[in-house]
Amino acid sequence: ELRAWSDCTGERDHLIFYDGASTDDPVLVKYCGGDWLPRIISRGPVMLVAFHSSPFSVPLHAGGTKSPLRGFELDVDIVYSDSDSLDFSRNSRKCEFWINATNP
């Protein structure tokens, strides 16, 4: 079962996909678990993916240690459009990944 939008409360880790480079841009989807995500496509060459971690959902290491697991894994596929396609971005940009983390 895919969990998104209203199923994503503050007590869950969640991802928010923005259609642009900032959190002021429109939200494409808010996702917090379940099956594989459907394809998410931005209308331009930039998409912001924000990961929000809840302090209430920190799993413990297997093997008996009591320390919490930190971090996450996100697999990204980049789909290139044919230059004759309406999905093709005329403004060429390189693919960039920026990681920013804060510690409460």
Protein backbone atom coordinates (compact mmCIF):
# COMPACT_ATOMS: atom_id res chain seq x y z
CA GLU A 1 0.00 0.00 0.00
CA LEU A 2 1.40 3.36 -1.04
CA ARG A 3 1.22 5.96 1.72
CA ALA A 4 1.09 9.57 0.60
CA TRP A 5 -0.39 13.00 1.30
CA SER A 6 -2.78 12.83 4.29
CA ASP A 7 -1.28 9.52 5.47
CA CYS A 8 2.04 11.32 6.10
CA THR A 9 1.87 12.78 9.60
CA GLY A 10 4.68 14.45 11.55
CA GLU A 11 5.42 11.15 13.30
CA ARG A 12 6.69 9.53 10.07
CA ASP A 13 9.76 9.98 7.93
CA HIS A 14 8.67 11.43 4.60
CA LEU A 15 9.86 12.76 1.26
CA ILE A 16 8.47 15.89 -0.39
CA PHE A 17 9.07 16.38 -4.12
CA TYR A 18 8.93 20.02 -5.29
CA ASP A 19 8.50 21.12 -8.91
CA GLY A 20 11.48 23.48 -8.81
CA ALA A 21 14.52 24.39 -6.75
CA SER A 22 12.89 25.66 -3.55
CA THR A 23 10.25 24.78 -0.99
CA ASP A 24 8.21 27.72 -2.33
CA ASP A 25 7.64 25.81 -5.59
CA PRO A 26 4.54 23.58 -6.06
CA VAL A 27 4.58 20.19 -4.32
CA LEU A 28 4.45 17.27 -6.74
CA VAL A 29 3.95 14.57 -4.11
CA LYS A 30 4.45 13.90 -0.40
CA TYR A 31 5.43 10.28 0.23
CA CYS A 32 5.94 8.37 3.49
CA GLY A 33 6.17 4.68 2.71
CA GLY A 34 4.71 1.63 1.12
CA ASP A 35 5.30 0.25 -2.33
CA TRP A 36 7.50 1.75 -5.02
CA LEU A 37 6.81 5.34 -5.96
CA PRO A 38 5.19 6.04 -9.29
CA ARG A 39 7.27 8.04 -11.78
CA ILE A 40 7.51 11.67 -10.66
CA ILE A 41 8.20 14.20 -13.40
CA SER A 42 8.93 17.89 -12.97
CA ARG A 43 7.79 20.48 -15.50
CA GLY A 44 11.29 21.90 -15.78
CA PRO A 45 14.92 20.88 -15.42
CA VAL A 46 14.95 21.22 -11.59
CA MET A 47 13.31 19.12 -8.86
CA LEU A 48 13.90 19.46 -5.12
CA VAL A 49 13.55 16.30 -3.00
CA ALA A 50 13.37 17.06 0.73
CA PHE A 51 13.73 14.21 3.25
CA HIS A 52 12.20 14.87 6.66
CA SER A 53 13.14 12.49 9.45
CA SER A 54 10.94 12.03 12.48
CA PRO A 55 12.58 11.56 15.90
CA PHE A 56 9.85 9.00 16.64
CA SER A 57 10.75 6.54 13.87
CA VAL A 58 14.42 5.72 14.47
CA PRO A 59 15.00 1.95 14.03
CA LEU A 60 17.64 0.17 16.10
CA HIS A 61 20.60 -1.79 14.74
CA ALA A 62 20.12 -5.54 14.33
CA GLY A 63 22.29 -7.73 16.51
CA GLY A 64 21.39 -6.35 19.91
CA THR A 65 23.12 -2.97 19.94
CA LYS A 66 20.94 -0.19 21.28
CA SER A 67 22.27 2.59 19.04
CA PRO A 68 19.82 3.98 16.46
CA LEU A 69 20.35 3.70 12.72
CA ARG A 70 21.01 7.05 11.09
CA GLY A 71 20.58 8.09 7.46
CA PHE A 72 18.64 6.78 4.50
CA GLU A 73 19.09 5.43 1.00
CA LEU A 74 17.45 6.98 -2.05
CA ASP A 75 17.82 5.47 -5.51
CA VAL A 76 17.43 7.96 -8.35
CA ASP A 77 16.91 7.22 -12.03
CA ILE A 78 17.40 10.05 -14.47
CA VAL A 79 15.31 9.75 -17.61
CA TYR A 80 16.58 11.60 -20.64
CA SER A 81 14.10 12.92 -23.21
CA ASP A 82 14.56 12.86 -26.95
CA SER A 83 15.47 16.33 -28.24
CA ASP A 84 12.33 16.30 -30.43
CA SER A 85 10.09 15.50 -27.45
CA LEU A 86 7.89 18.10 -25.75
CA ASP A 87 9.48 16.94 -22.47
CA PHE A 88 12.95 18.04 -23.60
CA SER A 89 14.46 20.99 -21.72
CA ARG A 90 16.13 23.46 -24.09
CA ASN A 91 18.14 24.99 -21.24
CA SER A 92 20.89 22.44 -20.71
CA ARG A 93 21.99 21.92 -17.11
CA LYS A 94 24.10 19.32 -15.48
CA CYS A 95 22.61 16.90 -12.98
CA GLU A 96 23.51 18.03 -9.46
CA PHE A 97 22.91 16.45 -6.06
CA TRP A 98 23.12 18.63 -2.95
CA ILE A 99 23.02 17.10 0.52
CA ASN A 100 22.12 19.32 3.46
CA ALA A 101 21.49 17.97 6.94
CA THR A 102 20.70 19.59 10.25
CA ASN A 103 20.98 18.00 13.66
CA PRO A 104 18.29 18.98 16.19
